[in-house]
PDB file of N, CA and C in Angstrom:
ATOM      1  N   UNK A   1      80.086  87.484  78.336  1.00  0.00           N
ATOM      2  CA  UNK A   1      81.496  87.186  78.213  1.00  0.00           C
ATOM      3  C   UNK A   1      82.161  87.495  79.552  1.00  0.00           C
ATOM      4  N   UNK A   2      82.851  86.535  80.106  1.00  0.00           N
ATOM      5  CA  UNK A   2      83.545  86.727  81.371  1.00  0.00           C
ATOM      6  C   UNK A   2      85.023  86.957  81.148  1.00  0.00           C
ATOM      7  N   UNK A   3      85.703  87.308  82.204  1.00  0.00           N
ATOM      8  CA  UNK A   3      87.151  87.420  82.123  1.00  0.00           C
ATOM      9  C   UNK A   3      87.740  86.022  82.059  1.00  0.00           C
ATOM     10  N   UNK A   4      88.826  85.860  81.360  1.00  0.00           N
ATOM     11  CA  UNK A   4      89.449  84.555  81.234  1.00  0.00           C
ATOM     12  C   UNK A   4      90.958  84.705  81.226  1.00  0.00           C
ATOM     13  N   UNK A   5      91.605  83.602  81.443  1.00  0.00           N
ATOM     14  CA  UNK A   5      93.062  83.560  81.371  1.00  0.00           C
ATOM     15  C   UNK A   5      93.442  82.392  80.487  1.00  0.00           C
ATOM     16  N   UNK A   6      94.348  82.616  79.550  1.00  0.00           N
ATOM     17  CA  UNK A   6      94.789  81.555  78.652  1.00  0.00           C
ATOM     18  C   UNK A   6      95.732  80.633  79.415  1.00  0.00           C
ATOM     19  N   UNK A   7      95.518  79.340  79.300  1.00  0.00           N
ATOM     20  CA  UNK A   7      96.322  78.357  80.010  1.00  0.00           C
ATOM     21  C   UNK A   7      96.943  77.409  78.997  1.00  0.00           C
ATOM     22  N   UNK A   8      98.242  77.176  79.094  1.00  0.00           N
ATOM     23  CA  UNK A   8      98.898  76.205  78.206  1.00  0.00           C
ATOM     24  C   UNK A   8      98.721  74.808  78.781  1.00  0.00           C
ATOM     25  N   UNK A   9      98.373  73.876  77.942  1.00  0.00           N
ATOM     26  CA  UNK A   9      98.152  72.503  78.361  1.00  0.00           C
ATOM     27  C   UNK A   9      99.282  71.650  77.803  1.00  0.00           C
ATOM     28  N   UNK A  10      99.901  70.826  78.643  1.00  0.00           N
ATOM     29  CA  UNK A  10     100.986  69.962  78.200  1.00  0.00           C
ATOM     30  C   UNK A  10     100.453  68.990  77.148  1.00  0.00           C
ATOM     31  N   UNK A  11     101.183  68.861  76.042  1.00  0.00           N
ATOM     32  CA  UNK A  11     100.809  67.967  74.941  1.00  0.00           C
ATOM     33  C   UNK A  11      99.435  68.282  74.349  1.00  0.00           C
ATOM     34  N   UNK A  12      99.098  69.541  74.300  1.00  0.00           N
ATOM     35  CA  UNK A  12      97.818  69.910  73.707  1.00  0.00           C
ATOM     36  C   UNK A  12      97.781  71.394  73.399  1.00  0.00           C
ATOM     37  N   UNK A  13      96.735  71.856  72.731  1.00  0.00           N
ATOM     38  CA  UNK A  13      96.622  73.272  72.387  1.00  0.00           C
ATOM     39  C   UNK A  13      96.249  74.105  73.619  1.00  0.00           C
ATOM     40  N   UNK A  14      96.451  75.404  73.511  1.00  0.00           N
ATOM     41  CA  UNK A  14      96.035  76.310  74.596  1.00  0.00           C
ATOM     42  C   UNK A  14      94.507  76.322  74.658  1.00  0.00           C
ATOM     43  N   UNK A  15      93.980  76.521  75.830  1.00  0.00           N
ATOM     44  CA  UNK A  15      92.530  76.610  75.980  1.00  0.00           C
ATOM     45  C   UNK A  15      92.210  77.761  76.913  1.00  0.00           C
ATOM     46  N   UNK A  16      90.983  78.219  76.879  1.00  0.00           N
ATOM     47  CA  UNK A  16      90.562  79.316  77.752  1.00  0.00           C
ATOM     48  C   UNK A  16      89.839  78.737  78.957  1.00  0.00           C
ATOM     49  N   UNK A  17      90.170  79.277  80.122  1.00  0.00           N
ATOM     50  CA  UNK A  17      89.552  78.817  81.360  1.00  0.00           C
ATOM     51  C   UNK A  17      88.770  79.987  81.938  1.00  0.00           C
ATOM     52  N   UNK A  18      87.463  79.833  82.100  1.00  0.00           N
ATOM     53  CA  UNK A  18      86.655  80.913  82.641  1.00  0.00           C
ATOM     54  C   UNK A  18      86.781  80.946  84.154  1.00  0.00           C
ATOM     55  N   UNK A  19      86.875  82.155  84.675  1.00  0.00           N
ATOM     56  CA  UNK A  19      87.087  82.355  86.097  1.00  0.00           C
ATOM     57  C   UNK A  19      85.792  82.721  86.793  1.00  0.00           C
ATOM     58  N   UNK A  20      85.825  82.697  88.106  1.00  0.00           N
ATOM     59  CA  UNK A  20      84.688  83.154  88.891  1.00  0.00           C
ATOM     60  C   UNK A  20      84.507  84.647  88.655  1.00  0.00           C
ATOM     61  N   UNK A  21      83.406  85.179  89.160  1.00  0.00           N
ATOM     62  CA  UNK A  21      83.150  86.604  89.040  1.00  0.00           C
ATOM     63  C   UNK A  21      84.302  87.397  89.648  1.00  0.00           C
ATOM     64  N   UNK A  22      84.713  88.419  88.939  1.00  0.00           N
ATOM     65  CA  UNK A  22      85.778  89.292  89.409  1.00  0.00           C
ATOM     66  C   UNK A  22      85.191  90.678  89.621  1.00  0.00           C
ATOM     67  N   UNK A  23      85.353  91.206  90.830  1.00  0.00           N
ATOM     68  CA  UNK A  23      84.824  92.523  91.164  1.00  0.00           C
ATOM     69  C   UNK A  23      85.956  93.545  91.165  1.00  0.00           C
ATOM     70  N   UNK A  24      85.831  94.595  90.353  1.00  0.00           N
ATOM     71  CA  UNK A  24      86.877  95.614  90.295  1.00  0.00           C
ATOM     72  C   UNK A  24      87.066  96.323  91.636  1.00  0.00           C
ATOM     73  N   UNK A  25      88.309  96.689  91.907  1.00  0.00           N
ATOM     74  CA  UNK A  25      88.665  97.523  93.049  1.00  0.00           C
ATOM     75  C   UNK A  25      89.343  98.747  92.445  1.00  0.00           C
ATOM     76  N   UNK A  26      88.780  99.912  92.644  1.00  0.00           N
ATOM     77  CA  UNK A  26      89.255 101.158  92.026  1.00  0.00           C
ATOM     78  C   UNK A  26      89.032 101.112  90.515  1.00  0.00           C
ATOM     79  N   UNK A  27      89.397 102.185  89.851  1.00  0.00           N
ATOM     80  CA  UNK A  27      89.176 102.302  88.412  1.00  0.00           C
ATOM     81  C   UNK A  27      90.264 101.609  87.602  1.00  0.00           C
ATOM     82  N   UNK A  28      89.893 101.209  86.377  1.00  0.00           N
ATOM     83  CA  UNK A  28      90.864 100.728  85.406  1.00  0.00           C
ATOM     84  C   UNK A  28      91.820 101.878  85.123  1.00  0.00           C
ATOM     85  N   UNK A  29      93.090 101.565  84.913  1.00  0.00           N
ATOM     86  CA  UNK A  29      94.074 102.610  84.646  1.00  0.00           C
ATOM     87  C   UNK A  29      94.973 102.213  83.486  1.00  0.00           C
ATOM     88  N   UNK A  30      95.582 103.226  82.898  1.00  0.00           N
ATOM     89  CA  UNK A  30      96.500 103.043  81.786  1.00  0.00           C
ATOM     90  C   UNK A  30      97.678 103.981  82.017  1.00  0.00           C
ATOM     91  N   UNK A  31      98.889 103.491  81.794  1.00  0.00           N
ATOM     92  CA  UNK A  31     100.077 104.323  81.954  1.00  0.00           C
ATOM     93  C   UNK A  31     101.061 104.035  80.825  1.00  0.00           C
ATOM     94  N   UNK A  32     101.591 105.100  80.235  1.00  0.00           N
ATOM     95  CA  UNK A  32     102.669 104.960  79.263  1.00  0.00           C
ATOM     96  C   UNK A  32     103.949 104.884  80.082  1.00  0.00           C
ATOM     97  N   UNK A  33     104.659 103.770  79.962  1.00  0.00           N
ATOM     98  CA  UNK A  33     105.831 103.546  80.809  1.00  0.00           C
ATOM     99  C   UNK A  33     107.029 104.372  80.343  1.00  0.00           C
ATOM    100  N   UNK A  34     107.695 104.952  81.325  1.00  0.00           N
ATOM    101  CA  UNK A  34     108.925 105.705  81.099  1.00  0.00           C
ATOM    102  C   UNK A  34     109.753 105.515  82.361  1.00  0.00           C
ATOM    103  N   UNK A  35     110.449 104.398  82.440  1.00  0.00           N
ATOM    104  CA  UNK A  35     111.115 104.017  83.680  1.00  0.00           C
ATOM    105  C   UNK A  35     110.241 103.051  84.447  1.00  0.00           C
ATOM    106  N   UNK A  36     110.665 102.697  85.659  1.00  0.00           N
ATOM    107  CA  UNK A  36     109.949 101.701  86.456  1.00  0.00           C
ATOM    108  C   UNK A  36     108.674 102.296  87.057  1.00  0.00           C
ATOM    109  N   UNK A  37     107.571 101.629  86.830  1.00  0.00           N
ATOM    110  CA  UNK A  37     106.273 101.984  87.414  1.00  0.00           C
ATOM    111  C   UNK A  37     105.993 100.991  88.535  1.00  0.00           C
ATOM    112  N   UNK A  38     105.652 101.490  89.726  1.00  0.00           N
ATOM    113  CA  UNK A  38     105.392 100.642  90.883  1.00  0.00           C
ATOM    114  C   UNK A  38     103.902 100.680  91.208  1.00  0.00           C
ATOM    115  N   UNK A  39     103.297  99.493  91.309  1.00  0.00           N
ATOM    116  CA  UNK A  39     101.892  99.375  91.696  1.00  0.00           C
ATOM    117  C   UNK A  39     101.811  98.599  93.007  1.00  0.00           C
ATOM    118  N   UNK A  40     101.236  99.208  94.012  1.00  0.00           N
ATOM    119  CA  UNK A  40     101.037  98.551  95.293  1.00  0.00           C
ATOM    120  C   UNK A  40      99.549  98.259  95.429  1.00  0.00           C
ATOM    121  N   UNK A  41      99.219  97.021  95.712  1.00  0.00           N
ATOM    122  CA  UNK A  41      97.817  96.601  95.769  1.00  0.00           C
ATOM    123  C   UNK A  41      97.089  97.248  96.936  1.00  0.00           C
ATOM    124  N   UNK A  42      95.853  97.721  96.703  1.00  0.00           N
ATOM    125  CA  UNK A  42      95.027  98.172  97.812  1.00  0.00           C
ATOM    126  C   UNK A  42      94.745  96.986  98.746  1.00  0.00           C
ATOM    127  N   UNK A  43      94.483  97.259  99.994  1.00  0.00           N
ATOM    128  CA  UNK A  43      94.255  96.210 100.990  1.00  0.00           C
ATOM    129  C   UNK A  43      93.141  95.259 100.558  1.00  0.00           C
ATOM    130  N   UNK A  44      92.083  95.783  99.957  1.00  0.00           N
ATOM    131  CA  UNK A  44      90.937  94.948  99.598  1.00  0.00           C
ATOM    132  C   UNK A  44      91.133  94.135  98.312  1.00  0.00           C
ATOM    133  N   UNK A  45      92.203  94.384  97.575  1.00  0.00           N
ATOM    134  CA  UNK A  45      92.445  93.665  96.319  1.00  0.00           C
ATOM    135  C   UNK A  45      93.074  92.302  96.582  1.00  0.00           C
ATOM    136  N   UNK A  46      92.733  91.338  95.720  1.00  0.00           N
ATOM    137  CA  UNK A  46      93.381  90.033  95.772  1.00  0.00           C
ATOM    138  C   UNK A  46      93.915  89.622  94.411  1.00  0.00           C
ATOM    139  N   UNK A  47      93.615  90.444  93.382  1.00  0.00           N
ATOM    140  CA  UNK A  47      94.069  90.169  92.015  1.00  0.00           C
ATOM    141  C   UNK A  47      94.525  91.456  91.340  1.00  0.00           C
ATOM    142  N   UNK A  48      95.444  91.306  90.402  1.00  0.00           N
ATOM    143  CA  UNK A  48      95.845  92.403  89.528  1.00  0.00           C
ATOM    144  C   UNK A  48      95.729  91.884  88.101  1.00  0.00           C
ATOM    145  N   UNK A  49      94.981  92.591  87.270  1.00  0.00           N
ATOM    146  CA  UNK A  49      94.822  92.234  85.866  1.00  0.00           C
ATOM    147  C   UNK A  49      95.700  93.197  85.070  1.00  0.00           C
ATOM    148  N   UNK A  50      96.624  92.673  84.266  1.00  0.00           N
ATOM    149  CA  UNK A  50      97.551  93.513  83.511  1.00  0.00           C
ATOM    150  C   UNK A  50      97.589  93.093  82.048  1.00  0.00           C
ATOM    151  N   UNK A  51      97.876  94.065  81.195  1.00  0.00           N
ATOM    152  CA  UNK A  51      98.030  93.792  79.772  1.00  0.00           C
ATOM    153  C   UNK A  51      98.962  94.841  79.167  1.00  0.00           C
ATOM    154  N   UNK A  52      99.825  94.410  78.265  1.00  0.00           N
ATOM    155  CA  UNK A  52     100.716  95.317  77.535  1.00  0.00           C
ATOM    156  C   UNK A  52     100.100  95.621  76.180  1.00  0.00           C
ATOM    157  N   UNK A  53     100.114  96.898  75.823  1.00  0.00           N
ATOM    158  CA  UNK A  53      99.689  97.282  74.474  1.00  0.00           C
ATOM    159  C   UNK A  53     100.814  98.100  73.854  1.00  0.00           C
ATOM    160  N   UNK A  54     100.933  98.048  72.590  1.00  0.00           N
ATOM    161  CA  UNK A  54     101.924  98.790  71.792  1.00  0.00           C
ATOM    162  C   UNK A  54     103.307  98.136  71.804  1.00  0.00           C
ATOM    163  N   UNK A  55     103.928  97.936  72.972  1.00  0.00           N
ATOM    164  CA  UNK A  55     105.263  97.348  73.082  1.00  0.00           C
ATOM    165  C   UNK A  55     105.308  96.391  74.272  1.00  0.00           C
ATOM    166  N   UNK A  56     106.286  95.486  74.287  1.00  0.00           N
ATOM    167  CA  UNK A  56     106.441  94.534  75.392  1.00  0.00           C
ATOM    168  C   UNK A  56     106.861  95.242  76.680  1.00  0.00           C
ATOM    169  N   UNK A  57     106.490  94.614  77.796  1.00  0.00           N
ATOM    170  CA  UNK A  57     106.793  95.140  79.128  1.00  0.00           C
ATOM    171  C   UNK A  57     107.453  94.031  79.934  1.00  0.00           C
ATOM    172  N   UNK A  58     108.434  94.387  80.777  1.00  0.00           N
ATOM    173  CA  UNK A  58     109.042  93.462  81.738  1.00  0.00           C
ATOM    174  C   UNK A  58     108.493  93.805  83.114  1.00  0.00           C
ATOM    175  N   UNK A  59     108.269  92.761  83.966  1.00  0.00           N
ATOM    176  CA  UNK A  59     107.755  93.029  85.302  1.00  0.00           C
ATOM    177  C   UNK A  59     108.289  92.056  86.338  1.00  0.00           C
ATOM    178  N   UNK A  60     108.244  92.486  87.594  1.00  0.00           N
ATOM    179  CA  UNK A  60     108.538  91.640  88.748  1.00  0.00           C
ATOM    180  C   UNK A  60     107.394  91.827  89.742  1.00  0.00           C
ATOM    181  N   UNK A  61     107.289  90.894  90.712  1.00  0.00           N
ATOM    182  CA  UNK A  61     106.170  90.960  91.657  1.00  0.00           C
ATOM    183  C   UNK A  61     106.590  90.960  93.125  1.00  0.00           C
ATOM    184  N   UNK A  62     107.879  91.047  93.401  1.00  0.00           N
ATOM    185  CA  UNK A  62     108.363  91.064  94.781  1.00  0.00           C
ATOM    186  C   UNK A  62     108.899  92.455  95.099  1.00  0.00           C
ATOM    187  N   UNK A  63     108.592  92.953  96.281  1.00  0.00           N
ATOM    188  CA  UNK A  63     108.954  94.330  96.635  1.00  0.00           C
ATOM    189  C   UNK A  63     110.458  94.594  96.592  1.00  0.00           C
ATOM    190  N   UNK A  64     111.292  93.566  96.715  1.00  0.00           N
ATOM    191  CA  UNK A  64     112.738  93.762  96.713  1.00  0.00           C
ATOM    192  C   UNK A  64     113.384  93.562  95.344  1.00  0.00           C
ATOM    193  N   UNK A  65     112.589  93.190  94.340  1.00  0.00           N
ATOM    194  CA  UNK A  65     113.151  92.979  93.003  1.00  0.00           C
ATOM    195  C   UNK A  65     112.734  94.116  92.076  1.00  0.00           C
ATOM    196  N   UNK A  66     113.514  94.304  91.029  1.00  0.00           N
ATOM    197  CA  UNK A  66     113.204  95.353  90.052  1.00  0.00           C
ATOM    198  C   UNK A  66     113.458  94.830  88.644  1.00  0.00           C
ATOM    199  N   UNK A  67     112.564  95.133  87.712  1.00  0.00           N
ATOM    200  CA  UNK A  67     112.763  94.709  86.326  1.00  0.00           C
ATOM    201  C   UNK A  67     113.715  95.660  85.601  1.00  0.00           C
ATOM    202  N   UNK A  68     114.235  95.196  84.490  1.00  0.00           N
ATOM    203  CA  UNK A  68     114.982  96.057  83.576  1.00  0.00           C
ATOM    204  C   UNK A  68     114.492  95.740  82.168  1.00  0.00           C
ATOM    205  N   UNK A  69     115.011  96.431  81.200  1.00  0.00           N
ATOM    206  CA  UNK A  69     114.584  96.186  79.815  1.00  0.00           C
ATOM    207  C   UNK A  69     114.951  94.796  79.324  1.00  0.00           C
ATOM    208  N   UNK A  70     115.825  94.093  80.073  1.00  0.00           N
ATOM    209  CA  UNK A  70     116.246  92.756  79.660  1.00  0.00           C
ATOM    210  C   UNK A  70     116.002  91.681  80.717  1.00  0.00           C
ATOM    211  N   UNK A  71     115.438  92.032  81.873  1.00  0.00           N
ATOM    212  CA  UNK A  71     115.168  91.009  82.892  1.00  0.00           C
ATOM    213  C   UNK A  71     113.808  91.232  83.534  1.00  0.00           C
ATOM    214  N   UNK A  72     113.229  90.147  84.006  1.00  0.00           N
ATOM    215  CA  UNK A  72     111.879  90.155  84.559  1.00  0.00           C
ATOM    216  C   UNK A  72     110.970  89.327  83.670  1.00  0.00           C
ATOM    217  N   UNK A  73     109.767  89.056  84.158  1.00  0.00           N
ATOM    218  CA  UNK A  73     108.773  88.360  83.343  1.00  0.00           C
ATOM    219  C   UNK A  73     108.373  89.268  82.182  1.00  0.00           C
ATOM    220  N   UNK A  74     107.912  88.670  81.074  1.00  0.00           N
ATOM    221  CA  UNK A  74     107.547  89.449  79.890  1.00  0.00           C
ATOM    222  C   UNK A  74     106.035  89.473  79.700  1.00  0.00           C
ATOM    223  N   UNK A  75     105.482  90.677  79.550  1.00  0.00           N
ATOM    224  CA  UNK A  75     104.113  90.856  79.065  1.00  0.00           C
ATOM    225  C   UNK A  75     104.263  91.210  77.593  1.00  0.00           C
ATOM    226  N   UNK A  76     103.797  90.342  76.723  1.00  0.00           N
ATOM    227  CA  UNK A  76     103.928  90.577  75.290  1.00  0.00           C
ATOM    228  C   UNK A  76     102.778  91.441  74.792  1.00  0.00           C
ATOM    229  N   UNK A  77     103.111  92.505  74.106  1.00  0.00           N
ATOM    230  CA  UNK A  77     102.102  93.430  73.591  1.00  0.00           C
ATOM    231  C   UNK A  77     101.076  92.687  72.740  1.00  0.00           C
ATOM    232  N   UNK A  78      99.815  92.962  72.995  1.00  0.00           N
ATOM    233  CA  UNK A  78      98.741  92.359  72.221  1.00  0.00           C
ATOM    234  C   UNK A  78      98.225  91.036  72.748  1.00  0.00           C
ATOM    235  N   UNK A  79      98.922  90.417  73.693  1.00  0.00           N
ATOM    236  CA  UNK A  79      98.422  89.172  74.282  1.00  0.00           C
ATOM    237  C   UNK A  79      97.232  89.440  75.200  1.00  0.00           C
ATOM    238  N   UNK A  80      96.509  88.381  75.538  1.00  0.00           N
ATOM    239  CA  UNK A  80      95.392  88.497  76.465  1.00  0.00           C
ATOM    240  C   UNK A  80      95.867  89.010  77.815  1.00  0.00           C
ATOM    241  N   UNK A  81      94.967  89.619  78.600  1.00  0.00           N
ATOM    242  CA  UNK A  81      95.352  90.067  79.945  1.00  0.00           C
ATOM    243  C   UNK A  81      95.837  88.901  80.808  1.00  0.00           C
ATOM    244  N   UNK A  82      96.725  89.220  81.730  1.00  0.00           N
ATOM    245  CA  UNK A  82      97.265  88.272  82.696  1.00  0.00           C
ATOM    246  C   UNK A  82      96.681  88.614  84.060  1.00  0.00           C
ATOM    247  N   UNK A  83      96.255  87.607  84.804  1.00  0.00           N
ATOM    248  CA  UNK A  83      95.692  87.814  86.134  1.00  0.00           C
ATOM    249  C   UNK A  83      96.692  87.297  87.163  1.00  0.00           C
ATOM    250  N   UNK A  84      97.099  88.195  88.078  1.00  0.00           N
ATOM    251  CA  UNK A  84      98.136  87.883  89.056  1.00  0.00           C
ATOM    252  C   UNK A  84      97.564  88.027  90.461  1.00  0.00           C
ATOM    253  N   UNK A  85      97.672  86.998  91.316  1.00  0.00           N
ATOM    254  CA  UNK A  85      97.257  87.143  92.717  1.00  0.00           C
ATOM    255  C   UNK A  85      98.143  88.178  93.418  1.00  0.00           C
ATOM    256  N   UNK A  86      97.535  88.990  94.281  1.00  0.00           N
ATOM    257  CA  UNK A  86      98.281  90.059  94.961  1.00  0.00           C
ATOM    258  C   UNK A  86      98.461  89.804  96.449  1.00  0.00           C
ATOM    259  N   UNK A  87      97.973  88.685  96.945  1.00  0.00           N
ATOM    260  CA  UNK A  87      98.052  88.420  98.373  1.00  0.00           C
ATOM    261  C   UNK A  87      99.491  88.117  98.781  1.00  0.00           C
ATOM    262  N   UNK A  88      99.847  88.531  99.962  1.00  0.00           N
ATOM    263  CA  UNK A  88     101.196  88.337 100.475  1.00  0.00           C
ATOM    264  C   UNK A  88     101.832  89.678 100.793  1.00  0.00           C
ATOM    265  N   UNK A  89     102.485  89.752 101.913  1.00  0.00           N
ATOM    266  CA  UNK A  89     103.028  91.034 102.362  1.00  0.00           C
ATOM    267  C   UNK A  89     104.166  91.554 101.488  1.00  0.00           C
ATOM    268  N   UNK A  90     104.805  90.691 100.714  1.00  0.00           N
ATOM    269  CA  UNK A  90     105.920  91.126  99.872  1.00  0.00           C
ATOM    270  C   UNK A  90     105.509  91.433  98.434  1.00  0.00           C
ATOM    271  N   UNK A  91     104.207  91.356  98.123  1.00  0.00           N
ATOM    272  CA  UNK A  91     103.764  91.626  96.756  1.00  0.00           C
ATOM    273  C   UNK A  91     103.910  93.111  96.421  1.00  0.00           C
ATOM    274  N   UNK A  92     104.540  93.370  95.302  1.00  0.00           N
ATOM    275  CA  UNK A  92     104.587  94.715  94.724  1.00  0.00           C
ATOM    276  C   UNK A  92     104.901  94.547  93.240  1.00  0.00           C
ATOM    277  N   UNK A  93     104.015  95.009  92.400  1.00  0.00           N
ATOM    278  CA  UNK A  93     104.186  94.884  90.956  1.00  0.00           C
ATOM    279  C   UNK A  93     105.021  96.054  90.455  1.00  0.00           C
ATOM    280  N   UNK A  94     106.097  95.746  89.731  1.00  0.00           N
ATOM    281  CA  UNK A  94     106.942  96.768  89.131  1.00  0.00           C
ATOM    282  C   UNK A  94     107.086  96.445  87.653  1.00  0.00           C
ATOM    283  N   UNK A  95     106.934  97.459  86.811  1.00  0.00           N
ATOM    284  CA  UNK A  95     106.998  97.241  85.370  1.00  0.00           C
ATOM    285  C   UNK A  95     107.873  98.295  84.706  1.00  0.00           C
ATOM    286  N   UNK A  96     108.507  97.883  83.601  1.00  0.00           N
ATOM    287  CA  UNK A  96     109.319  98.796  82.792  1.00  0.00           C
ATOM    288  C   UNK A  96     109.143  98.412  81.325  1.00  0.00           C
ATOM    289  N   UNK A  97     109.279  99.376  80.461  1.00  0.00           N
ATOM    290  CA  UNK A  97     109.140  99.117  79.031  1.00  0.00           C
ATOM    291  C   UNK A  97     110.397  98.447  78.481  1.00  0.00           C
ATOM    292  N   UNK A  98     110.210  97.533  77.517  1.00  0.00           N
ATOM    293  CA  UNK A  98     111.369  96.990  76.801  1.00  0.00           C
ATOM    294  C   UNK A  98     111.869  98.027  75.804  1.00  0.00           C
ATOM    295  N   UNK A  99     110.934  98.701  75.160  1.00  0.00           N
ATOM    296  CA  UNK A  99     111.253  99.791  74.237  1.00  0.00           C
ATOM    297  C   UNK A  99     110.248 100.917  74.457  1.00  0.00           C
ATOM    298  N   UNK A 100     110.590 102.102  73.991  1.00  0.00           N
ATOM    299  CA  UNK A 100     109.731 103.278  74.195  1.00  0.00           C
ATOM    300  C   UNK A 100     108.330 103.053  73.615  1.00  0.00           C
ATOM    301  N   UNK A 101     107.350 103.624  74.274  1.00  0.00           N
ATOM    302  CA  UNK A 101     105.972 103.566  73.793  1.00  0.00           C
ATOM    303  C   UNK A 101     105.126 102.472  74.405  1.00  0.00           C
ATOM    304  N   UNK A 102     105.672 101.715  75.357  1.00  0.00           N
ATOM    305  CA  UNK A 102     104.905 100.631  75.987  1.00  0.00           C
ATOM    306  C   UNK A 102     103.802 101.211  76.869  1.00  0.00           C
ATOM    307  N   UNK A 103     102.631 100.610  76.776  1.00  0.00           N
ATOM    308  CA  UNK A 103     101.480 101.055  77.564  1.00  0.00           C
ATOM    309  C   UNK A 103     101.032  99.890  78.440  1.00  0.00           C
ATOM    310  N   UNK A 104     100.890 100.152  79.738  1.00  0.00           N
ATOM    311  CA  UNK A 104     100.409  99.155  80.696  1.00  0.00           C
ATOM    312  C   UNK A 104      98.964  99.465  81.034  1.00  0.00           C
ATOM    313  N   UNK A 105      98.094  98.500  80.781  1.00  0.00           N
ATOM    314  CA  UNK A 105      96.686  98.575  81.194  1.00  0.00           C
ATOM    315  C   UNK A 105      96.588  97.749  82.463  1.00  0.00           C
ATOM    316  N   UNK A 106      95.915  98.263  83.521  1.00  0.00           N
ATOM    317  CA  UNK A 106      95.797  97.472  84.735  1.00  0.00           C
ATOM    318  C   UNK A 106      94.526  97.782  85.512  1.00  0.00           C
ATOM    319  N   UNK A 107      94.132  96.792  86.321  1.00  0.00           N
ATOM    320  CA  UNK A 107      92.932  96.878  87.164  1.00  0.00           C
ATOM    321  C   UNK A 107      93.124  95.985  88.366  1.00  0.00           C
ATOM    322  N   UNK A 108      92.966  96.509  89.555  1.00  0.00           N
ATOM    323  CA  UNK A 108      92.954  95.681  90.757  1.00  0.00           C
ATOM    324  C   UNK A 108      91.543  95.145  90.932  1.00  0.00           C
ATOM    325  N   UNK A 109      91.418  93.929  91.501  1.00  0.00           N
ATOM    326  CA  UNK A 109      90.109  93.298  91.642  1.00  0.00           C
ATOM    327  C   UNK A 109      90.091  92.375  92.852  1.00  0.00           C
ATOM    328  N   UNK A 110      88.861  91.913  93.174  1.00  0.00           N
ATOM    329  CA  UNK A 110      88.657  90.935  94.242  1.00  0.00           C
ATOM    330  C   UNK A 110      88.121  89.663  93.622  1.00  0.00           C
TER     331      UNK A 110
END
């Protein structure tokens, strides 16, 4: 079983797209969010794999932007992991809980 990302297809059902081999960079981590959590990609990383468990999470990916409980992209609790490219000098992942108890699972990779 490989890592995959769910892709929505116009005028059709969602399908799974298998990706190339993904090599972890550093250990998998988990954080219970309480305010804004900032993740800065290691130099060798080119991907960030994220998933919300327990409660929804809001996030932004630009170093000058910040999420709030009502703004930013949404990671819906229980959905499949999302894979985000980390390349670019302005990349910085910031996440905040929509409600108390949100858990962010994450892993940097190549």
